[in-house]
Amino acid sequence: HGALPLHWALRKHAPEGVTLGILNAHLEACAVSIKNEEGVEMLPLQLALDKGADLRVAIRILEAPGAGRSLTELKCGGKVVGDGNAQALCASLAKHTACLTALDLSRNRLTAVPPPVCEIATLQTVIIANNAIKELPLELLRLTKQNCSASHGMWCL
């Protein structure tokens, strides 16, 4: 079963090459929920972000068949630092998730909302607090027919 080697590599901060090798050999493990050290169930993508895995590892997990199928919430606060990294992750989320409703991009030193965020059709909540974002793209308003309002950097779409 490929889930155990993948979970081990993510928990133990295995080198990127080792983790990617395990990922490529056991792609089915990317869609299997696991328990973290506190006993909380999570998908390998969230564990990878929580453990500070390289963004290439996180995106490779997301690209695996079925990995993003049940992902409804992703907490990236302070974990995907910078506009380029956030844009790459959000582009992959837009392409590989079917039911993502909440995305936390707070504390990532962003200067703009990553354009691919507007392509995540199921998104309802985007948390962008504690960034350097000066304005919101109008495309955010097209994601849903609900009103958009701000409260401490959280935009409920």
C-alpha atoms as a PDB file:
ATOM      1  CA  HIS A   1       0.000   0.000   0.000  1.00  0.00           C
ATOM      2  CA  GLY A   2       1.602   3.276  -1.116  1.00  0.00           C
ATOM      3  CA  ALA A   3      -0.013   5.489   1.505  1.00  0.00           C
ATOM      4  CA  LEU A   4       2.427   4.534   4.252  1.00  0.00           C
ATOM      5  CA  PRO A   5       5.623   5.486   2.383  1.00  0.00           C
ATOM      6  CA  LEU A   6       4.038   8.774   1.227  1.00  0.00           C
ATOM      7  CA  HIS A   7       2.858   9.676   4.713  1.00  0.00           C
ATOM      8  CA  TRP A   8       6.266   8.798   6.139  1.00  0.00           C
ATOM      9  CA  ALA A   9       8.055  10.981   3.571  1.00  0.00           C
ATOM     10  CA  LEU A  10       5.780  13.954   4.281  1.00  0.00           C
ATOM     11  CA  ARG A  11       5.933  13.626   8.075  1.00  0.00           C
ATOM     12  CA  LYS A  12       9.707  13.143   8.193  1.00  0.00           C
ATOM     13  CA  HIS A  13      10.557  15.927   5.730  1.00  0.00           C
ATOM     14  CA  ALA A  14      12.224  13.518   3.328  1.00  0.00           C
ATOM     15  CA  PRO A  15      14.269  15.191   0.583  1.00  0.00           C
ATOM     16  CA  GLU A  16      12.208  16.427  -2.357  1.00  0.00           C
ATOM     17  CA  GLY A  17      13.640  13.804  -4.736  1.00  0.00           C
ATOM     18  CA  VAL A  18      12.749  10.960  -2.368  1.00  0.00           C
ATOM     19  CA  THR A  19       9.229  12.285  -1.816  1.00  0.00           C
ATOM     20  CA  LEU A  20       8.637  12.795  -5.547  1.00  0.00           C
ATOM     21  CA  GLY A  21       9.907   9.262  -6.229  1.00  0.00           C
ATOM     22  CA  ILE A  22       7.453   7.835  -3.712  1.00  0.00           C
ATOM     23  CA  LEU A  23       4.663   9.999  -5.160  1.00  0.00           C
ATOM     24  CA  ASN A  24       5.299   8.822  -8.696  1.00  0.00           C
ATOM     25  CA  ALA A  25       5.366   5.177  -7.586  1.00  0.00           C
ATOM     26  CA  HIS A  26       2.203   5.452  -5.486  1.00  0.00           C
ATOM     27  CA  LEU A  27      -0.061   8.082  -7.052  1.00  0.00           C
ATOM     28  CA  GLU A  28      -3.162   6.431  -5.593  1.00  0.00           C
ATOM     29  CA  ALA A  29      -1.927   7.347  -2.091  1.00  0.00           C
ATOM     30  CA  CYS A  30      -2.452  11.044  -2.851  1.00  0.00           C
ATOM     31  CA  ALA A  31      -6.233  10.646  -2.510  1.00  0.00           C
ATOM     32  CA  VAL A  32      -6.168   8.709   0.789  1.00  0.00           C
ATOM     33  CA  SER A  33      -7.005  10.630   3.972  1.00  0.00           C
ATOM     34  CA  ILE A  34      -4.548  10.230   6.808  1.00  0.00           C
ATOM     35  CA  LYS A  35      -4.314  11.293  10.436  1.00  0.00           C
ATOM     36  CA  ASN A  36      -1.706  13.827  11.457  1.00  0.00           C
ATOM     37  CA  GLU A  37       0.187  13.701  14.766  1.00  0.00           C
ATOM     38  CA  GLU A  38      -2.852  15.192  16.564  1.00  0.00           C
ATOM     39  CA  GLY A  39      -5.190  12.551  15.128  1.00  0.00           C
ATOM     40  CA  VAL A  40      -6.904  14.943  12.706  1.00  0.00           C
ATOM     41  CA  GLU A  41      -7.918  13.442   9.345  1.00  0.00           C
ATOM     42  CA  MET A  42      -6.466  15.261   6.341  1.00  0.00           C
ATOM     43  CA  LEU A  43      -5.491  14.724   2.745  1.00  0.00           C
ATOM     44  CA  PRO A  44      -1.791  14.409   1.859  1.00  0.00           C
ATOM     45  CA  LEU A  45      -1.880  17.841   0.158  1.00  0.00           C
ATOM     46  CA  GLN A  46      -2.729  19.575   3.451  1.00  0.00           C
ATOM     47  CA  LEU A  47      -0.107  17.495   5.300  1.00  0.00           C
ATOM     48  CA  ALA A  48       2.508  18.471   2.701  1.00  0.00           C
ATOM     49  CA  LEU A  49       1.704  22.171   3.139  1.00  0.00           C
ATOM     50  CA  ASP A  50       1.597  21.869   6.933  1.00  0.00           C
ATOM     51  CA  LYS A  51       4.999  20.168   6.985  1.00  0.00           C
ATOM     52  CA  GLY A  52       6.597  22.739   4.668  1.00  0.00           C
ATOM     53  CA  ALA A  53       7.110  20.435   1.696  1.00  0.00           C
ATOM     54  CA  ASP A  54       8.393  22.029  -1.488  1.00  0.00           C
ATOM     55  CA  LEU A  55       5.610  23.504  -3.597  1.00  0.00           C
ATOM     56  CA  ARG A  56       6.479  21.098  -6.438  1.00  0.00           C
ATOM     57  CA  VAL A  57       5.620  18.211  -4.096  1.00  0.00           C
ATOM     58  CA  ALA A  58       2.290  19.809  -3.138  1.00  0.00           C
ATOM     59  CA  ILE A  59       1.352  20.438  -6.773  1.00  0.00           C
ATOM     60  CA  ARG A  60       2.381  16.895  -7.775  1.00  0.00           C
ATOM     61  CA  ILE A  61       0.109  15.502  -5.048  1.00  0.00           C
ATOM     62  CA  LEU A  62      -2.747  17.648  -6.337  1.00  0.00           C
ATOM     63  CA  GLU A  63      -2.177  16.439  -9.918  1.00  0.00           C
ATOM     64  CA  ALA A  64      -2.514  12.782  -8.925  1.00  0.00           C
ATOM     65  CA  PRO A  65      -5.776  11.136 -10.064  1.00  0.00           C
ATOM     66  CA  GLY A  66      -8.507  11.727  -7.508  1.00  0.00           C
ATOM     67  CA  ALA A  67      -6.323  13.722  -5.094  1.00  0.00           C
ATOM     68  CA  GLY A  68      -8.379  16.916  -5.350  1.00  0.00           C
ATOM     69  CA  ARG A  69     -11.749  15.244  -5.804  1.00  0.00           C
ATOM     70  CA  SER A  70     -12.841  15.519  -2.154  1.00  0.00           C
ATOM     71  CA  LEU A  71     -10.851  18.604  -1.191  1.00  0.00           C
ATOM     72  CA  THR A  72     -13.267  21.213   0.198  1.00  0.00           C
ATOM     73  CA  GLU A  73     -10.921  23.403   2.243  1.00  0.00           C
ATOM     74  CA  LEU A  74      -7.228  24.214   1.991  1.00  0.00           C
ATOM     75  CA  LYS A  75      -5.293  26.100   4.652  1.00  0.00           C
ATOM     76  CA  CYS A  76      -2.288  27.761   3.045  1.00  0.00           C
ATOM     77  CA  GLY A  77      -1.883  30.620   5.525  1.00  0.00           C
ATOM     78  CA  GLY A  78       1.824  31.461   5.684  1.00  0.00           C
ATOM     79  CA  LYS A  79       2.749  28.309   3.768  1.00  0.00           C
ATOM     80  CA  VAL A  80       2.894  29.392   0.113  1.00  0.00           C
ATOM     81  CA  VAL A  81       4.935  32.562   0.356  1.00  0.00           C
ATOM     82  CA  GLY A  82       4.907  34.878  -2.637  1.00  0.00           C
ATOM     83  CA  ASP A  83       2.817  35.735  -5.659  1.00  0.00           C
ATOM     84  CA  GLY A  84       4.463  33.208  -7.995  1.00  0.00           C
ATOM     85  CA  ASN A  85       4.011  30.255  -5.653  1.00  0.00           C
ATOM     86  CA  ALA A  86       0.406  31.195  -4.889  1.00  0.00           C
ATOM     87  CA  GLN A  87      -0.355  31.565  -8.587  1.00  0.00           C
ATOM     88  CA  ALA A  88       1.098  28.118  -9.388  1.00  0.00           C
ATOM     89  CA  LEU A  89      -0.814  26.446  -6.562  1.00  0.00           C
ATOM     90  CA  CYS A  90      -4.099  28.198  -7.397  1.00  0.00           C
ATOM     91  CA  ALA A  91      -3.772  27.260 -11.082  1.00  0.00           C
ATOM     92  CA  SER A  92      -3.426  23.625 -10.062  1.00  0.00           C
ATOM     93  CA  LEU A  93      -6.353  23.934  -7.631  1.00  0.00           C
ATOM     94  CA  ALA A  94      -8.524  25.398 -10.401  1.00  0.00           C
ATOM     95  CA  LYS A  95      -7.647  22.512 -12.675  1.00  0.00           C
ATOM     96  CA  HIS A  96      -7.754  19.593 -10.218  1.00  0.00           C
ATOM     97  CA  THR A  97     -10.429  20.306  -7.587  1.00  0.00           C
ATOM     98  CA  ALA A  98     -14.148  19.777  -7.977  1.00  0.00           C
ATOM     99  CA  CYS A  99     -15.560  20.997  -4.663  1.00  0.00           C
ATOM    100  CA  LEU A 100     -13.088  23.428  -3.076  1.00  0.00           C
ATOM    101  CA  THR A 101     -15.184  25.974  -1.166  1.00  0.00           C
ATOM    102  CA  ALA A 102     -12.648  27.599   1.190  1.00  0.00           C
ATOM    103  CA  LEU A 103      -9.083  28.736   0.580  1.00  0.00           C
ATOM    104  CA  ASP A 104      -6.846  30.442   3.132  1.00  0.00           C
ATOM    105  CA  LEU A 105      -4.092  32.492   1.476  1.00  0.00           C
ATOM    106  CA  SER A 106      -3.409  34.727   4.490  1.00  0.00           C
ATOM    107  CA  ARG A 107       0.132  35.721   5.534  1.00  0.00           C
ATOM    108  CA  ASN A 108       1.774  34.845   2.205  1.00  0.00           C
ATOM    109  CA  ARG A 109       3.252  38.234   1.233  1.00  0.00           C
ATOM    110  CA  LEU A 110       0.886  38.468  -1.719  1.00  0.00           C
ATOM    111  CA  THR A 111       0.598  41.743  -3.613  1.00  0.00           C
ATOM    112  CA  ALA A 112      -2.422  40.610  -5.651  1.00  0.00           C
ATOM    113  CA  VAL A 113      -5.080  37.928  -5.577  1.00  0.00           C
ATOM    114  CA  PRO A 114      -3.717  35.141  -7.807  1.00  0.00           C
ATOM    115  CA  PRO A 115      -5.772  35.256 -11.049  1.00  0.00           C
ATOM    116  CA  PRO A 116      -6.405  31.467 -11.006  1.00  0.00           C
ATOM    117  CA  VAL A 117      -8.427  31.941  -7.789  1.00  0.00           C
ATOM    118  CA  CYS A 118     -11.146  33.374 -10.014  1.00  0.00           C
ATOM    119  CA  GLU A 119     -11.193  30.115 -11.987  1.00  0.00           C
ATOM    120  CA  ILE A 120     -12.129  27.951  -8.961  1.00  0.00           C
ATOM    121  CA  ALA A 121     -15.862  27.832  -9.662  1.00  0.00           C
ATOM    122  CA  THR A 122     -16.915  26.247  -6.351  1.00  0.00           C
ATOM    123  CA  LEU A 123     -14.993  28.700  -4.158  1.00  0.00           C
ATOM    124  CA  GLN A 124     -17.115  30.534  -1.585  1.00  0.00           C
ATOM    125  CA  THR A 125     -14.547  31.847   0.916  1.00  0.00           C
ATOM    126  CA  VAL A 126     -11.089  33.262   0.276  1.00  0.00           C
ATOM    127  CA  ILE A 127      -9.041  34.450   3.233  1.00  0.00           C
ATOM    128  CA  ILE A 128      -6.445  37.010   2.153  1.00  0.00           C
ATOM    129  CA  ALA A 129      -5.699  38.784   5.453  1.00  0.00           C
ATOM    130  CA  ASN A 130      -2.192  39.995   6.301  1.00  0.00           C
ATOM    131  CA  ASN A 131      -0.957  40.365   2.737  1.00  0.00           C
ATOM    132  CA  ALA A 132      -0.070  43.467   0.731  1.00  0.00           C
ATOM    133  CA  ILE A 133      -3.095  43.238  -1.579  1.00  0.00           C
ATOM    134  CA  LYS A 134      -4.334  46.710  -2.509  1.00  0.00           C
ATOM    135  CA  GLU A 135      -7.325  45.845  -4.696  1.00  0.00           C
ATOM    136  CA  LEU A 136      -9.515  42.908  -5.584  1.00  0.00           C
ATOM    137  CA  PRO A 137     -10.069  41.715  -9.134  1.00  0.00           C
ATOM    138  CA  LEU A 138     -13.588  42.190 -10.477  1.00  0.00           C
ATOM    139  CA  GLU A 139     -13.543  38.545 -11.572  1.00  0.00           C
ATOM    140  CA  LEU A 140     -14.081  37.526  -7.944  1.00  0.00           C
ATOM    141  CA  LEU A 141     -17.601  38.905  -8.183  1.00  0.00           C
ATOM    142  CA  ARG A 142     -18.412  36.541 -11.044  1.00  0.00           C
ATOM    143  CA  LEU A 143     -17.693  33.377  -9.062  1.00  0.00           C
ATOM    144  CA  THR A 144     -21.103  33.378  -7.448  1.00  0.00           C
ATOM    145  CA  LYS A 145     -24.326  35.338  -7.440  1.00  0.00           C
ATOM    146  CA  GLN A 146     -24.028  36.075  -3.726  1.00  0.00           C
ATOM    147  CA  ASN A 147     -22.821  39.463  -2.557  1.00  0.00           C
ATOM    148  CA  CYS A 148     -19.170  39.910  -1.773  1.00  0.00           C
ATOM    149  CA  SER A 149     -18.239  41.548   1.508  1.00  0.00           C
ATOM    150  CA  ALA A 150     -15.062  41.977   3.514  1.00  0.00           C
ATOM    151  CA  SER A 151     -14.439  41.449   7.166  1.00  0.00           C
ATOM    152  CA  HIS A 152     -10.826  41.536   8.382  1.00  0.00           C
ATOM    153  CA  GLY A 153      -9.443  40.324   5.072  1.00  0.00           C
ATOM    154  CA  MET A 154     -11.907  37.464   4.548  1.00  0.00           C
ATOM    155  CA  TRP A 155     -13.969  37.661   1.405  1.00  0.00           C
ATOM    156  CA  CYS A 156     -17.091  35.559   1.294  1.00  0.00           C
ATOM    157  CA  LEU A 157     -18.068  35.217  -2.300  1.00  0.00           C
END
